[in-house]
Amino acid sequence: MKELSNRTARFTDSVIRRMTRISNKYGAVNLSQGFPDFDPPGAAAR
């Protein structure tokens, strides 16, 4: 595949992509990506 630019040469896979690859390799349940069932904290909580 053609390189996009010199700046992108050091980019790596995301953790989610890496964990998906590992879970597929071992037939595991992939828990690396999920959707929370609660709202994020409001602006005042920062």
N, C-alpha and C. Protein backbone atom coordinates (compact mmCIF):
# COMPACT_ATOMS: atom_id res chain seq x y z
N MET A 1 0.84 -1.17 0.00
CA MET A 1 0.00 0.00 0.00
C MET A 1 0.89 1.24 0.00
N LYS A 2 0.53 2.22 -0.76
CA LYS A 2 1.31 3.45 -0.85
C LYS A 2 1.21 4.25 0.44
N GLU A 3 2.37 4.76 0.88
CA GLU A 3 2.43 5.57 2.10
C GLU A 3 1.71 6.89 1.86
N LEU A 4 0.91 7.33 2.84
CA LEU A 4 0.17 8.57 2.69
C LEU A 4 1.07 9.79 2.81
N SER A 5 1.88 9.82 3.85
CA SER A 5 2.83 10.91 4.05
C SER A 5 3.85 10.47 5.09
N ASN A 6 4.92 11.21 5.21
CA ASN A 6 5.93 10.88 6.22
C ASN A 6 5.36 11.01 7.63
N ARG A 7 4.43 11.93 7.83
CA ARG A 7 3.86 12.14 9.16
C ARG A 7 3.05 10.94 9.63
N THR A 8 2.45 10.19 8.73
CA THR A 8 1.62 9.06 9.13
C THR A 8 2.42 7.77 9.31
N ALA A 9 3.69 7.78 8.98
CA ALA A 9 4.49 6.56 9.05
C ALA A 9 4.60 6.02 10.46
N ARG A 10 4.50 6.86 11.49
CA ARG A 10 4.65 6.40 12.88
C ARG A 10 3.33 6.05 13.55
N PHE A 11 2.22 6.18 12.86
CA PHE A 11 0.92 5.83 13.44
C PHE A 11 0.84 4.32 13.66
N THR A 12 0.16 3.93 14.72
CA THR A 12 -0.03 2.51 15.01
C THR A 12 -1.53 2.21 15.07
N ASP A 13 -1.85 0.93 15.19
CA ASP A 13 -3.24 0.52 15.35
C ASP A 13 -3.81 1.08 16.64
N SER A 14 -5.11 1.28 16.65
CA SER A 14 -5.77 1.68 17.88
C SER A 14 -5.84 0.48 18.82
N VAL A 15 -6.02 0.73 20.09
CA VAL A 15 -6.14 -0.35 21.08
C VAL A 15 -7.34 -1.23 20.75
N ILE A 16 -8.45 -0.62 20.33
CA ILE A 16 -9.65 -1.38 20.00
C ILE A 16 -9.37 -2.33 18.84
N ARG A 17 -8.71 -1.85 17.82
CA ARG A 17 -8.39 -2.71 16.67
C ARG A 17 -7.46 -3.84 17.09
N ARG A 18 -6.47 -3.53 17.92
CA ARG A 18 -5.52 -4.54 18.38
C ARG A 18 -6.23 -5.61 19.21
N MET A 19 -7.11 -5.19 20.12
CA MET A 19 -7.83 -6.15 20.95
C MET A 19 -8.80 -6.99 20.12
N THR A 20 -9.40 -6.40 19.10
CA THR A 20 -10.27 -7.16 18.21
C THR A 20 -9.49 -8.25 17.50
N ARG A 21 -8.30 -7.92 17.03
CA ARG A 21 -7.46 -8.90 16.35
C ARG A 21 -7.08 -10.04 17.29
N ILE A 22 -6.74 -9.71 18.53
CA ILE A 22 -6.37 -10.74 19.51
C ILE A 22 -7.56 -11.63 19.86
N SER A 23 -8.72 -11.02 20.08
CA SER A 23 -9.90 -11.82 20.43
C SER A 23 -10.31 -12.73 19.27
N ASN A 24 -10.18 -12.25 18.05
CA ASN A 24 -10.48 -13.11 16.89
C ASN A 24 -9.51 -14.27 16.79
N LYS A 25 -8.25 -14.02 17.11
CA LYS A 25 -7.22 -15.06 17.03
C LYS A 25 -7.54 -16.21 17.98
N TYR A 26 -8.02 -15.89 19.19
CA TYR A 26 -8.27 -16.91 20.21
C TYR A 26 -9.73 -17.30 20.35
N GLY A 27 -10.61 -16.72 19.52
CA GLY A 27 -12.02 -17.05 19.61
C GLY A 27 -12.67 -16.53 20.89
N ALA A 28 -12.13 -15.44 21.40
CA ALA A 28 -12.62 -14.87 22.65
C ALA A 28 -13.75 -13.88 22.39
N VAL A 29 -14.45 -13.53 23.45
CA VAL A 29 -15.47 -12.50 23.38
C VAL A 29 -14.76 -11.16 23.43
N ASN A 30 -15.02 -10.30 22.48
CA ASN A 30 -14.36 -9.00 22.39
C ASN A 30 -15.08 -7.99 23.26
N LEU A 31 -14.45 -7.60 24.35
CA LEU A 31 -15.01 -6.61 25.27
C LEU A 31 -14.31 -5.25 25.15
N SER A 32 -13.51 -5.08 24.12
CA SER A 32 -12.71 -3.85 24.00
C SER A 32 -13.51 -2.65 23.54
N GLN A 33 -14.66 -2.86 22.96
CA GLN A 33 -15.49 -1.73 22.53
C GLN A 33 -16.90 -1.94 23.04
N GLY A 34 -17.43 -0.92 23.61
CA GLY A 34 -18.78 -1.04 24.14
C GLY A 34 -19.48 0.29 24.11
N PHE A 35 -20.72 0.25 24.47
CA PHE A 35 -21.53 1.45 24.50
C PHE A 35 -22.07 1.61 25.91
N PRO A 36 -21.66 2.66 26.60
CA PRO A 36 -22.11 2.83 27.99
C PRO A 36 -23.61 2.99 28.07
N ASP A 37 -24.18 2.55 29.18
CA ASP A 37 -25.62 2.68 29.38
C ASP A 37 -25.93 3.83 30.35
N PHE A 38 -25.03 4.81 30.38
CA PHE A 38 -25.23 5.98 31.23
C PHE A 38 -24.71 7.22 30.50
N ASP A 39 -25.21 8.37 30.89
CA ASP A 39 -24.79 9.61 30.26
C ASP A 39 -23.44 10.04 30.82
N PRO A 40 -22.65 10.76 30.00
CA PRO A 40 -21.38 11.27 30.51
C PRO A 40 -21.61 12.36 31.55
N PRO A 41 -20.61 12.64 32.37
CA PRO A 41 -20.77 13.71 33.35
C PRO A 41 -21.00 15.07 32.68
N GLY A 42 -21.71 15.92 33.36
CA GLY A 42 -21.96 17.25 32.82
C GLY A 42 -20.71 18.11 32.85
N ALA A 43 -20.79 19.29 32.28
CA ALA A 43 -19.64 20.20 32.20
C ALA A 43 -19.15 20.59 33.58
N ALA A 44 -20.02 20.66 34.56
CA ALA A 44 -19.63 21.06 35.91
C ALA A 44 -18.77 19.99 36.60
N ALA A 45 -18.83 18.76 36.13
CA ALA A 45 -18.09 17.67 36.77
C ALA A 45 -16.63 17.67 36.39
N ARG A 46 -16.22 18.44 35.44
CA ARG A 46 -14.82 18.45 35.01
C ARG A 46 -14.01 19.04 36.06
